Amino acid sequence: MNLSCQKHLFSLEEGTHYINCATMAPNLKSVEEAGIQGILRKSQPQYITSQSFFESVEPVKEAYSTLINCPEPERIVILPSSSYGMAIVAKNLYRKPNLQAGQEIIMVSEEFPSDVYAWEEVCADKGLIMKVVPPPEGLENRGKIWNERLLEAITANTCLVVVSPTHWADGTLFDTEIIGKQCRSVGALLVLDGTQSIGAMPFDVQKVQPDAIINPGYKWLLGPYSAGVAYFGAYFDEGTPLERNWINRVGSEDFKSLMNYQTQYRSKSDRYNMGEKSNFILNPMLAAALIQINTWGVDSINQYCDELLKEPLKLLQEKGYWVDEKPYRSNHLVGIRIPPKADYLTIQKALQERKVFVSFRGEAIRLAPHVYNDANDIDVLMDGLLKGI
């Protein structure tokens, strides 16, 4: 499917140029409407039945399963944040066979804080070591060398690898399929932070075979804040959830028998759902967003972003900006670095004056377009970037 600009489906203010989906996505109009209808539904609680508590979750699980090519929707759970999902992984690391002090948790440098803080307690408790893989000092072949370093760091002493397919700060791509093979060869768990990749670039859980994917919904999934999803593989089937809530237990749909307390959890990953997973406002919003993404097709979204930035990025390189080469950078999130003698503050001011919204992360200017952006947005962006130098 060849996409044209889809700005008409979003609620974006005219005259602004929002190229910043990596920070937060704007609402689709369909997502807005689903939220409004959810609020109105909650205003009439007499029509919310015991079955409603389960029905609100299923469309989210089905749509996300389709998005990642997962044949088992029961492996998809509802969670509020990436930190919640990572905490589930940390809580269950003790179950890994032959886990012992001195083994390493591998991640790349400048990872998002929630992917780092999650391991502090388990490292202190089990004597594990967090090993951070840095990028090369120079910019030449940066993504290629960083990928090679990450693979070399995964050894028989690795118990867990935590990586984002797309680095949140600069868009560096990490080859998760090859990383997955390396993890399996040494018996390490692989956990992916899908926040900045899934929904905007193709992903196949059956090819990569991660043990878990943690995926907040308010960025590239185009959903609301505090509503996210996760995938948990077979390693977690008998694990320990963060919460001991009622709805994750066998028989919880039978409200009249809830006082017959159960020790058994629902099948596969259902034990890991957050409390109040049945959110009658946020779940319909997230489901509407996921359904729209699947309707467009992730391949089409990815291609659209590629076409939007392809020629502008070439021009920026000619003018002295640094951009990593494919296949080591994503199409939807690109970190560019300013020419040596340019000034960040001057560039920021030029973009602000033109109402261009991007992010400055570390040494990179992060460009994150989506299908609501058009050539005019990119033209105004380029004008600011070039005038700023």
Protein backbone atom coordinates (compact mmCIF):
# COMPACT_ATOMS: atom_id res chain seq x y z
CA MET A 1 0.00 0.00 0.00
CA ASN A 2 1.50 3.33 -1.08
CA LEU A 3 0.53 5.94 1.48
CA SER A 4 -0.15 9.59 0.86
CA CYS A 5 -0.06 12.08 3.71
CA GLN A 6 -2.61 11.17 6.39
CA LYS A 7 -2.64 14.49 8.25
CA HIS A 8 -6.42 14.77 7.80
CA LEU A 9 -6.87 11.82 10.18
CA PHE A 10 -5.07 13.59 13.03
CA SER A 11 -5.85 16.53 15.30
CA LEU A 12 -2.82 18.73 14.68
CA GLU A 13 -2.76 22.50 14.92
CA GLU A 14 -2.42 24.26 11.58
CA GLY A 15 0.81 26.14 11.04
CA THR A 16 2.95 23.88 13.22
CA HIS A 17 5.42 21.31 11.94
CA TYR A 18 5.46 18.44 14.41
CA ILE A 19 8.31 16.09 13.48
CA ASN A 20 8.60 14.57 16.92
CA CYS A 21 6.65 11.31 17.19
CA ALA A 22 9.56 9.82 19.15
CA THR A 23 8.54 12.07 22.06
CA MET A 24 4.78 11.66 21.84
CA ALA A 25 2.36 10.95 19.01
CA PRO A 26 -0.57 13.24 18.30
CA ASN A 27 -3.99 11.68 18.57
CA LEU A 28 -5.75 10.23 15.59
CA LYS A 29 -9.29 11.54 15.41
CA SER A 30 -10.48 7.95 15.72
CA VAL A 31 -8.47 7.59 18.93
CA GLU A 32 -9.97 10.81 20.29
CA GLU A 33 -13.46 9.53 19.52
CA ALA A 34 -12.77 6.17 21.15
CA GLY A 35 -11.67 8.00 24.30
CA ILE A 36 -14.77 10.19 24.33
CA GLN A 37 -17.01 7.17 23.89
CA GLY A 38 -15.12 5.41 26.70
CA ILE A 39 -15.75 8.34 29.04
CA LEU A 40 -19.43 8.34 28.13
CA ARG A 41 -19.64 4.61 28.68
CA LYS A 42 -18.18 4.97 32.17
CA SER A 43 -20.89 7.56 32.84
CA GLN A 44 -23.46 4.76 32.43
CA PRO A 45 -21.98 1.99 34.59
CA GLN A 46 -25.24 0.03 34.62
CA TYR A 47 -24.32 -1.14 31.12
CA ILE A 48 -20.86 -2.36 32.11
CA THR A 49 -21.13 -6.10 32.73
CA SER A 50 -18.72 -8.64 34.12
CA GLN A 51 -17.89 -9.62 30.55
CA SER A 52 -16.99 -6.01 29.76
CA PHE A 53 -13.93 -6.34 31.98
CA PHE A 54 -12.49 -8.86 29.52
CA GLU A 55 -13.91 -7.60 26.24
CA SER A 56 -12.08 -4.28 26.46
CA VAL A 57 -8.71 -6.05 26.47
CA GLU A 58 -9.15 -8.47 23.57
CA PRO A 59 -9.07 -5.96 20.67
CA VAL A 60 -5.75 -4.59 21.96
CA LYS A 61 -4.23 -8.05 22.26
CA GLU A 62 -5.46 -9.12 18.84
CA ALA A 63 -4.26 -5.97 17.07
CA TYR A 64 -0.82 -5.99 18.70
CA SER A 65 -0.43 -9.70 17.93
CA THR A 66 -1.07 -8.89 14.28
CA LEU A 67 1.44 -6.05 14.40
CA ILE A 68 4.32 -8.25 15.62
CA ASN A 69 3.19 -11.45 13.85
CA CYS A 70 2.49 -13.30 17.09
CA PRO A 71 0.13 -16.29 16.65
CA GLU A 72 -0.71 -16.35 20.38
CA PRO A 73 -2.64 -13.25 21.57
CA GLU A 74 -2.63 -14.75 25.08
CA ARG A 75 1.06 -13.80 25.22
CA ILE A 76 0.14 -10.11 25.04
CA VAL A 77 -0.52 -8.23 28.28
CA ILE A 78 -1.63 -4.75 29.25
CA LEU A 79 0.78 -2.55 31.19
CA PRO A 80 1.11 1.15 32.01
CA SER A 81 4.77 1.85 31.24
CA SER A 82 8.13 0.48 30.13
CA SER A 83 9.39 0.49 33.74
CA TYR A 84 6.52 -1.81 34.74
CA GLY A 85 7.41 -4.31 32.03
CA MET A 86 11.12 -4.23 32.79
CA ALA A 87 10.34 -4.77 36.47
CA ILE A 88 8.51 -7.99 35.54
CA VAL A 89 11.63 -9.20 33.75
CA ALA A 90 13.86 -8.25 36.69
CA LYS A 91 11.56 -10.03 39.14
CA ASN A 92 11.79 -13.26 37.11
CA LEU A 93 15.48 -13.28 36.33
CA TYR A 94 16.07 -15.52 39.35
CA ARG A 95 14.33 -18.35 37.47
CA LYS A 96 17.04 -18.53 34.82
CA PRO A 97 18.91 -21.86 35.09
CA ASN A 98 22.45 -21.63 36.42
CA LEU A 99 22.19 -17.93 37.22
CA GLN A 100 25.17 -16.95 39.35
CA ALA A 101 27.08 -13.95 40.63
CA GLY A 102 29.40 -12.35 38.11
CA GLN A 103 27.16 -12.94 35.11
CA GLU A 104 26.40 -9.92 32.96
CA ILE A 105 23.38 -7.96 31.82
CA ILE A 106 24.32 -6.40 28.47
CA MET A 107 22.98 -3.12 27.12
CA VAL A 108 24.24 -0.29 24.92
CA SER A 109 25.28 3.07 26.28
CA GLU A 110 22.90 6.00 26.70
CA GLU A 111 19.93 3.63 26.83
CA PHE A 112 16.64 5.04 28.12
CA PRO A 113 16.72 5.28 31.95
CA SER A 114 13.83 2.85 32.51
CA ASP A 115 15.89 0.18 30.73
CA VAL A 116 18.81 0.83 33.09
CA TYR A 117 17.28 1.41 36.52
CA ALA A 118 15.30 -1.85 36.31
CA TRP A 119 18.39 -3.95 37.02
CA GLU A 120 19.87 -2.12 40.01
CA GLU A 121 18.12 -4.22 42.64
CA VAL A 122 18.53 -7.61 40.98
CA CYS A 123 22.23 -6.90 40.34
CA ALA A 124 22.75 -6.02 43.99
CA ASP A 125 20.79 -9.07 45.15
CA LYS A 126 22.29 -11.65 42.79
CA GLY A 127 25.75 -10.17 42.26
CA LEU A 128 25.13 -9.56 38.57
CA ILE A 129 27.04 -6.97 36.56
CA MET A 130 25.60 -4.39 34.17
CA LYS A 131 27.90 -4.20 31.16
CA VAL A 132 27.40 -1.21 28.88
CA VAL A 133 28.58 -1.41 25.26
CA PRO A 134 29.70 2.02 24.01
CA PRO A 135 29.62 3.29 20.42
CA PRO A 136 32.94 4.00 18.69
CA GLU A 137 34.52 7.36 19.41
CA GLY A 138 34.50 8.39 15.75
CA LEU A 139 31.43 8.77 13.55
CA GLU A 140 32.65 6.74 10.56
CA ASN A 141 30.77 3.42 10.34
CA ARG A 142 29.35 4.22 13.77
CA GLY A 143 26.27 1.99 13.62
CA LYS A 144 28.13 -0.93 12.02
CA ILE A 145 30.88 -0.91 14.62
CA TRP A 146 28.40 -0.50 17.49
CA ASN A 147 26.44 -3.55 16.30
CA GLU A 148 29.66 -5.56 16.07
CA ARG A 149 30.67 -4.52 19.58
CA LEU A 150 27.28 -5.54 20.96
CA LEU A 151 27.48 -9.00 19.39
CA GLU A 152 31.03 -9.49 20.71
CA ALA A 153 29.86 -8.59 24.21
CA ILE A 154 27.27 -11.41 24.28
CA THR A 155 29.15 -14.40 25.65
CA ALA A 156 28.62 -17.51 27.77
CA ASN A 157 28.78 -15.19 30.78
CA THR A 158 25.75 -13.19 29.58
CA CYS A 159 22.47 -13.84 31.38
CA LEU A 160 20.37 -11.08 29.79
CA VAL A 161 20.55 -8.68 26.85
CA VAL A 162 18.35 -5.59 26.89
CA VAL A 163 18.26 -3.59 23.67
CA SER A 164 16.04 -1.25 21.68
CA PRO A 165 15.83 -2.14 17.97
CA THR A 166 16.04 1.61 17.35
CA HIS A 167 18.16 3.61 19.80
CA TRP A 168 15.87 6.20 21.35
CA ALA A 169 18.35 9.10 21.17
CA ASP A 170 19.80 8.87 17.66
CA GLY A 171 17.97 6.20 15.65
CA THR A 172 20.84 3.69 15.45
CA LEU A 173 19.45 0.33 14.31
CA PHE A 174 20.47 -2.84 16.09
CA ASP A 175 19.99 -6.08 14.18
CA THR A 176 17.69 -7.90 16.60
CA GLU A 177 17.46 -11.04 14.46
CA ILE A 178 21.22 -11.60 14.63
CA ILE A 179 21.29 -10.54 18.29
CA GLY A 180 18.54 -13.06 19.01
CA LYS A 181 20.56 -15.88 17.42
CA GLN A 182 23.62 -14.91 19.43
CA CYS A 183 21.59 -14.85 22.67
CA ARG A 184 20.15 -18.31 22.00
CA SER A 185 23.61 -19.69 21.18
CA VAL A 186 24.91 -18.73 24.64
CA GLY A 187 21.68 -19.28 26.59
CA ALA A 188 21.01 -15.60 27.33
CA LEU A 189 17.58 -14.01 27.59
CA LEU A 190 16.71 -11.27 25.09
CA VAL A 191 14.40 -8.42 26.11
CA LEU A 192 13.49 -5.70 23.62
CA ASP A 193 12.28 -2.20 24.34
CA GLY A 194 9.96 -1.67 21.37
CA THR A 195 9.06 1.90 22.30
CA GLN A 196 10.86 3.57 19.39
CA SER A 197 10.47 0.90 16.72
CA ILE A 198 7.36 -1.26 16.77
CA GLY A 199 4.56 0.39 14.85
CA ALA A 200 6.91 2.34 12.58
CA MET A 201 9.23 -0.36 11.22
CA PRO A 202 8.62 -4.03 10.38
CA PHE A 203 9.08 -6.53 13.20
CA ASP A 204 8.45 -10.28 13.33
CA VAL A 205 8.49 -11.91 16.75
CA GLN A 206 8.81 -15.36 15.15
CA LYS A 207 12.03 -14.39 13.38
CA VAL A 208 13.65 -12.53 16.25
CA GLN A 209 12.36 -14.85 19.03
CA PRO A 210 12.83 -12.46 21.96
CA ASP A 211 11.86 -13.58 25.44
CA ALA A 212 9.97 -10.33 26.05
CA ILE A 213 9.00 -7.10 24.31
CA ILE A 214 8.05 -4.05 26.35
CA ASN A 215 6.05 -1.47 24.39
CA PRO A 216 4.51 1.73 25.80
CA GLY A 217 1.70 2.93 23.56
CA TYR A 218 1.94 6.70 23.36
CA LYS A 219 4.67 7.04 20.73
CA TRP A 220 4.79 4.95 17.55
CA LEU A 221 1.74 2.89 18.54
CA LEU A 222 -0.19 6.22 18.36
CA GLY A 223 -2.09 5.42 21.56
CA PRO A 224 -2.77 7.28 24.83
CA TYR A 225 -0.34 7.89 27.67
CA SER A 226 -0.23 5.24 30.45
CA ALA A 227 -1.48 2.51 28.12
CA GLY A 228 0.96 -0.01 26.73
CA VAL A 229 1.45 -3.65 25.85
CA ALA A 230 4.06 -6.35 26.28
CA TYR A 231 4.85 -9.76 24.87
CA PHE A 232 6.19 -12.49 27.16
CA GLY A 233 7.55 -15.73 25.74
CA ALA A 234 7.58 -19.24 27.17
CA TYR A 235 10.34 -18.48 29.70
CA PHE A 236 7.82 -16.42 31.67
CA ASP A 237 4.91 -18.90 31.58
CA GLU A 238 5.32 -20.02 35.21
CA GLY A 239 6.84 -16.80 36.52
CA THR A 240 5.98 -14.36 39.27
CA PRO A 241 3.88 -11.26 38.45
CA LEU A 242 4.42 -7.85 40.01
CA GLU A 243 0.85 -7.78 41.29
CA ARG A 244 -1.34 -10.37 42.95
CA ASN A 245 -4.54 -9.05 41.44
CA TRP A 246 -7.83 -10.85 41.05
CA ILE A 247 -8.45 -10.59 37.32
CA ASN A 248 -5.35 -12.55 36.33
CA ARG A 249 -6.54 -15.69 38.15
CA VAL A 250 -8.40 -18.66 36.71
CA GLY A 251 -12.18 -18.19 36.91
CA SER A 252 -12.05 -14.44 37.42
CA GLU A 253 -14.84 -13.93 34.88
CA ASP A 254 -17.25 -15.58 37.35
CA PHE A 255 -17.92 -12.61 39.64
CA LYS A 256 -20.25 -14.48 41.98
CA SER A 257 -17.44 -16.91 42.86
CA LEU A 258 -14.59 -14.46 43.35
CA MET A 259 -14.47 -15.28 47.05
CA ASN A 260 -13.42 -18.82 46.10
CA TYR A 261 -9.80 -17.70 46.03
CA GLN A 262 -7.61 -19.21 43.34
CA THR A 263 -3.91 -20.01 43.37
CA GLN A 264 -3.79 -20.75 39.64
CA TYR A 265 -3.18 -18.00 37.11
CA ARG A 266 -4.75 -17.69 33.69
CA SER A 267 -2.82 -19.25 30.80
CA LYS A 268 0.52 -18.15 29.41
CA SER A 269 1.24 -14.43 29.98
CA ASP A 270 -2.09 -13.39 31.49
CA ARG A 271 -0.59 -13.38 35.00
CA TYR A 272 1.42 -10.24 34.14
CA ASN A 273 -1.42 -7.86 33.32
CA MET A 274 -1.51 -4.70 35.41
CA GLY A 275 -4.30 -4.23 37.91
CA GLU A 276 -7.38 -2.62 36.36
CA LYS A 277 -6.25 -3.83 32.94
CA SER A 278 -9.84 -3.39 31.74
CA ASN A 279 -9.56 0.40 31.42
CA PHE A 280 -12.74 1.35 29.58
CA ILE A 281 -11.25 4.59 28.27
CA LEU A 282 -7.61 3.86 27.43
CA ASN A 283 -8.05 0.37 25.97
CA PRO A 284 -10.48 1.43 23.21
CA MET A 285 -8.13 4.31 22.36
CA LEU A 286 -5.12 2.01 22.06
CA ALA A 287 -7.12 -0.54 20.08
CA ALA A 288 -8.28 2.14 17.62
CA ALA A 289 -4.67 3.26 17.13
CA LEU A 290 -3.35 -0.27 16.57
CA ILE A 291 -6.14 -1.10 14.14
CA GLN A 292 -5.30 2.00 12.09
CA ILE A 293 -1.59 1.09 12.01
CA ASN A 294 -2.44 -2.40 10.81
CA THR A 295 -4.76 -0.93 8.17
CA TRP A 296 -1.98 1.26 6.79
CA GLY A 297 0.61 -1.47 7.18
CA VAL A 298 3.92 -0.94 8.95
CA ASP A 299 5.84 -1.45 5.71
CA SER A 300 3.92 1.46 4.20
CA ILE A 301 4.54 3.71 7.21
CA ASN A 302 8.24 2.88 7.07
CA GLN A 303 8.44 3.54 3.34
CA TYR A 304 6.57 6.84 3.72
CA CYS A 305 9.05 8.10 6.30
CA ASP A 306 11.95 6.96 4.13
CA GLU A 307 10.69 8.85 1.08
CA LEU A 308 9.98 11.94 3.17
CA LEU A 309 13.56 12.21 4.47
CA LYS A 310 15.65 10.57 1.74
CA GLU A 311 16.61 13.63 -0.33
CA PRO A 312 16.66 16.11 2.58
CA LEU A 313 19.16 13.93 4.44
CA LYS A 314 21.43 13.84 1.40
CA LEU A 315 21.33 17.62 1.25
CA LEU A 316 22.13 17.93 4.95
CA GLN A 317 25.16 15.69 4.47
CA GLU A 318 26.34 17.92 1.63
CA LYS A 319 26.02 20.93 3.95
CA GLY A 320 28.15 19.34 6.65
CA TYR A 321 25.61 17.56 8.83
CA TRP A 322 26.43 13.99 9.86
CA VAL A 323 23.91 11.23 9.23
CA ASP A 324 24.70 7.54 9.70
CA GLU A 325 24.36 5.30 6.65
CA LYS A 326 21.84 2.52 6.08
CA PRO A 327 21.30 -0.19 7.16
CA TYR A 328 22.41 1.15 10.54
CA ARG A 329 19.85 3.92 10.92
CA SER A 330 16.08 3.80 10.86
CA ASN A 331 13.77 5.59 8.43
CA HIS A 332 11.39 6.98 11.03
CA LEU A 333 13.84 8.20 13.69
CA VAL A 334 17.07 9.78 12.52
CA GLY A 335 19.71 11.42 14.66
CA ILE A 336 21.66 14.10 12.78
CA ARG A 337 24.71 15.94 14.09
CA ILE A 338 25.46 19.55 13.29
CA PRO A 339 28.49 20.73 11.29
CA PRO A 340 31.63 21.27 13.40
CA LYS A 341 31.44 25.08 13.45
CA ALA A 342 27.66 25.33 13.80
CA ASP A 343 25.93 26.38 17.01
CA TYR A 344 23.13 24.38 18.66
CA LEU A 345 21.42 27.44 20.14
CA THR A 346 21.31 29.16 16.75
CA ILE A 347 19.75 26.07 15.18
CA GLN A 348 17.25 25.68 18.02
CA LYS A 349 16.18 29.30 17.64
CA ALA A 350 15.80 28.96 13.87
CA LEU A 351 13.55 25.93 14.31
CA GLN A 352 11.50 27.53 17.09
CA GLU A 353 10.88 30.61 14.97
CA ARG A 354 9.47 28.37 12.24
CA LYS A 355 7.34 26.34 14.69
CA VAL A 356 9.27 23.20 13.92
CA PHE A 357 9.11 20.61 16.72
CA VAL A 358 12.01 18.14 16.96
CA SER A 359 14.03 16.84 19.91
CA PHE A 360 17.61 17.45 20.98
CA ARG A 361 18.98 14.28 22.57
CA GLY A 362 22.63 14.13 23.59
CA GLU A 363 24.69 15.30 20.63
CA ALA A 364 21.97 14.51 18.10
CA ILE A 365 19.01 16.40 16.71
CA ARG A 366 16.30 13.76 16.54
CA LEU A 367 14.00 13.84 13.52
CA ALA A 368 10.93 11.65 13.95
CA PRO A 369 8.32 12.06 11.18
CA HIS A 370 5.16 10.08 10.65
CA VAL A 371 2.40 9.85 8.07
CA TYR A 372 0.87 13.12 9.31
CA ASN A 373 3.95 14.97 8.01
CA ASP A 374 4.21 16.20 4.44
CA ALA A 375 6.84 17.74 2.16
CA ASN A 376 6.00 21.22 3.44
CA ASP A 377 6.84 20.19 7.01
CA ILE A 378 10.21 18.91 5.84
CA ASP A 379 10.85 22.01 3.71
CA VAL A 380 10.33 24.25 6.75
CA LEU A 381 12.53 21.95 8.84
CA MET A 382 15.28 22.15 6.25
CA ASP A 383 15.03 25.92 6.06
CA GLY A 384 15.61 26.13 9.81
CA LEU A 385 18.45 23.61 9.83
CA LEU A 386 20.28 25.31 6.96
CA LYS A 387 19.68 28.87 8.14
CA GLY A 388 20.94 27.84 11.55
CA ILE A 389 24.43 27.15 10.18
